[in-house]
Amino acid sequence: MPNHGKVDISVSCSFDPEAKVWIATSNDINLALEDSSLDRLFERIPIVIVDLIEDGGLKGLTESPVVTLSAHNGPIPLPINGGLHART
């Protein structure tokens, strides 16, 4: 598997007042999540991103992806701790 190096992923979060859930989406990695708690959503995003990267065949990453989370208060860097270390 080729080495893909670093990946930048933008995730947008918004609140759906009708459904009363927070929604996280990313076109960079085909991400769509929802949760009633923003804190729980933030906890789930890194886990799901790792799964999506691995399922998408990007196992040659040498660095964890850089995730920028945009919510109503502006961009928030979201670290992906562990999980992606030069997998083959």
C-alpha atoms as a PDB file:
ATOM      1  CA  MET A   1       0.000   0.000   0.000  1.00  0.00           C
ATOM      2  CA  PRO A   2       1.467   3.391  -0.911  1.00  0.00           C
ATOM      3  CA  ASN A   3       2.390   5.936   1.743  1.00  0.00           C
ATOM      4  CA  HIS A   4      -0.273   8.653   1.845  1.00  0.00           C
ATOM      5  CA  GLY A   5       1.473  10.812   4.461  1.00  0.00           C
ATOM      6  CA  LYS A   6      -0.728  13.435   6.089  1.00  0.00           C
ATOM      7  CA  VAL A   7      -4.461  13.888   5.509  1.00  0.00           C
ATOM      8  CA  ASP A   8      -6.453  17.042   6.320  1.00  0.00           C
ATOM      9  CA  ILE A   9     -10.128  16.507   7.142  1.00  0.00           C
ATOM     10  CA  SER A  10     -12.720  19.246   7.672  1.00  0.00           C
ATOM     11  CA  VAL A  11     -15.755  18.353   9.777  1.00  0.00           C
ATOM     12  CA  SER A  12     -18.751  20.661  10.173  1.00  0.00           C
ATOM     13  CA  CYS A  13     -21.101  20.459  13.151  1.00  0.00           C
ATOM     14  CA  SER A  14     -24.524  21.987  13.392  1.00  0.00           C
ATOM     15  CA  PHE A  15     -27.568  21.625  15.612  1.00  0.00           C
ATOM     16  CA  ASP A  16     -30.890  20.515  14.152  1.00  0.00           C
ATOM     17  CA  PRO A  17     -33.462  22.113  16.471  1.00  0.00           C
ATOM     18  CA  GLU A  18     -36.347  20.137  14.985  1.00  0.00           C
ATOM     19  CA  ALA A  19     -34.698  16.733  15.592  1.00  0.00           C
ATOM     20  CA  LYS A  20     -32.851  18.042  18.672  1.00  0.00           C
ATOM     21  CA  VAL A  21     -29.539  16.484  17.594  1.00  0.00           C
ATOM     22  CA  TRP A  22     -26.040  17.663  16.704  1.00  0.00           C
ATOM     23  CA  ILE A  23     -24.912  16.626  13.221  1.00  0.00           C
ATOM     24  CA  ALA A  24     -21.302  16.212  12.074  1.00  0.00           C
ATOM     25  CA  THR A  25     -20.532  15.911   8.371  1.00  0.00           C
ATOM     26  CA  SER A  26     -17.439  15.831   6.192  1.00  0.00           C
ATOM     27  CA  ASN A  27     -17.194  15.624   2.435  1.00  0.00           C
ATOM     28  CA  ASP A  28     -13.487  14.840   2.776  1.00  0.00           C
ATOM     29  CA  ILE A  29     -14.181  11.390   4.196  1.00  0.00           C
ATOM     30  CA  ASN A  30     -17.915  10.799   3.650  1.00  0.00           C
ATOM     31  CA  LEU A  31     -18.737  11.300   7.340  1.00  0.00           C
ATOM     32  CA  ALA A  32     -22.256  11.755   8.679  1.00  0.00           C
ATOM     33  CA  LEU A  33     -22.943  11.386  12.416  1.00  0.00           C
ATOM     34  CA  GLU A  34     -25.563  12.651  14.820  1.00  0.00           C
ATOM     35  CA  ASP A  35     -25.960  12.671  18.578  1.00  0.00           C
ATOM     36  CA  SER A  36     -28.130  14.481  21.105  1.00  0.00           C
ATOM     37  CA  SER A  37     -24.960  15.504  22.989  1.00  0.00           C
ATOM     38  CA  LEU A  38     -22.216  17.617  21.410  1.00  0.00           C
ATOM     39  CA  ASP A  39     -19.676  16.152  23.851  1.00  0.00           C
ATOM     40  CA  ARG A  40     -20.561  12.585  22.821  1.00  0.00           C
ATOM     41  CA  LEU A  41     -20.432  13.587  19.172  1.00  0.00           C
ATOM     42  CA  PHE A  42     -16.909  14.987  19.693  1.00  0.00           C
ATOM     43  CA  GLU A  43     -15.907  11.679  21.321  1.00  0.00           C
ATOM     44  CA  ARG A  44     -17.294   9.620  18.426  1.00  0.00           C
ATOM     45  CA  ILE A  45     -15.829  11.645  15.540  1.00  0.00           C
ATOM     46  CA  PRO A  46     -12.182  10.462  15.901  1.00  0.00           C
ATOM     47  CA  ILE A  47     -13.240   6.822  16.262  1.00  0.00           C
ATOM     48  CA  VAL A  48     -15.407   6.914  13.161  1.00  0.00           C
ATOM     49  CA  ILE A  49     -12.771   8.812  11.155  1.00  0.00           C
ATOM     50  CA  VAL A  50     -10.180   6.113  11.902  1.00  0.00           C
ATOM     51  CA  ASP A  51     -12.664   3.431  10.797  1.00  0.00           C
ATOM     52  CA  LEU A  52     -13.537   5.306   7.595  1.00  0.00           C
ATOM     53  CA  ILE A  53      -9.865   5.854   6.716  1.00  0.00           C
ATOM     54  CA  GLU A  54      -9.058   2.186   7.233  1.00  0.00           C
ATOM     55  CA  ASP A  55     -12.142   1.033   5.305  1.00  0.00           C
ATOM     56  CA  GLY A  56     -11.248   3.446   2.503  1.00  0.00           C
ATOM     57  CA  GLY A  57      -7.848   1.891   1.951  1.00  0.00           C
ATOM     58  CA  LEU A  58      -5.665   4.652   3.396  1.00  0.00           C
ATOM     59  CA  LYS A  59      -3.765   2.261   5.637  1.00  0.00           C
ATOM     60  CA  GLY A  60      -0.408   3.658   4.496  1.00  0.00           C
ATOM     61  CA  LEU A  61      -0.791   6.881   6.486  1.00  0.00           C
ATOM     62  CA  THR A  62       2.362   7.818   8.334  1.00  0.00           C
ATOM     63  CA  GLU A  63       0.708  10.502  10.470  1.00  0.00           C
ATOM     64  CA  SER A  64      -2.636  10.858  12.193  1.00  0.00           C
ATOM     65  CA  PRO A  65      -5.038  12.977  10.162  1.00  0.00           C
ATOM     66  CA  VAL A  66      -5.396  16.660  10.977  1.00  0.00           C
ATOM     67  CA  VAL A  67      -9.064  17.227  11.728  1.00  0.00           C
ATOM     68  CA  THR A  68     -10.551  20.723  11.824  1.00  0.00           C
ATOM     69  CA  LEU A  69     -13.994  20.868  13.351  1.00  0.00           C
ATOM     70  CA  SER A  70     -16.179  23.851  12.492  1.00  0.00           C
ATOM     71  CA  ALA A  71     -19.106  24.566  14.750  1.00  0.00           C
ATOM     72  CA  HIS A  72     -21.084  27.677  15.572  1.00  0.00           C
ATOM     73  CA  ASN A  73     -18.079  29.127  17.449  1.00  0.00           C
ATOM     74  CA  GLY A  74     -15.584  28.694  14.605  1.00  0.00           C
ATOM     75  CA  PRO A  75     -12.915  26.090  13.862  1.00  0.00           C
ATOM     76  CA  ILE A  76     -11.750  23.721  16.602  1.00  0.00           C
ATOM     77  CA  PRO A  77      -8.743  21.415  16.083  1.00  0.00           C
ATOM     78  CA  LEU A  78      -9.725  17.871  16.977  1.00  0.00           C
ATOM     79  CA  PRO A  79      -6.785  15.526  17.616  1.00  0.00           C
ATOM     80  CA  ILE A  80      -6.910  11.917  16.546  1.00  0.00           C
ATOM     81  CA  ASN A  81      -4.836  10.296  19.295  1.00  0.00           C
ATOM     82  CA  GLY A  82      -3.286   6.994  18.360  1.00  0.00           C
ATOM     83  CA  GLY A  83      -4.959   4.632  15.993  1.00  0.00           C
ATOM     84  CA  LEU A  84      -3.048   5.594  12.849  1.00  0.00           C
ATOM     85  CA  HIS A  85       0.634   4.784  12.901  1.00  0.00           C
ATOM     86  CA  ALA A  86       2.028   3.546   9.586  1.00  0.00           C
ATOM     87  CA  ARG A  87      -0.375   0.636   9.313  1.00  0.00           C
ATOM     88  CA  THR A  88       0.170  -1.897   6.566  1.00  0.00           C
END
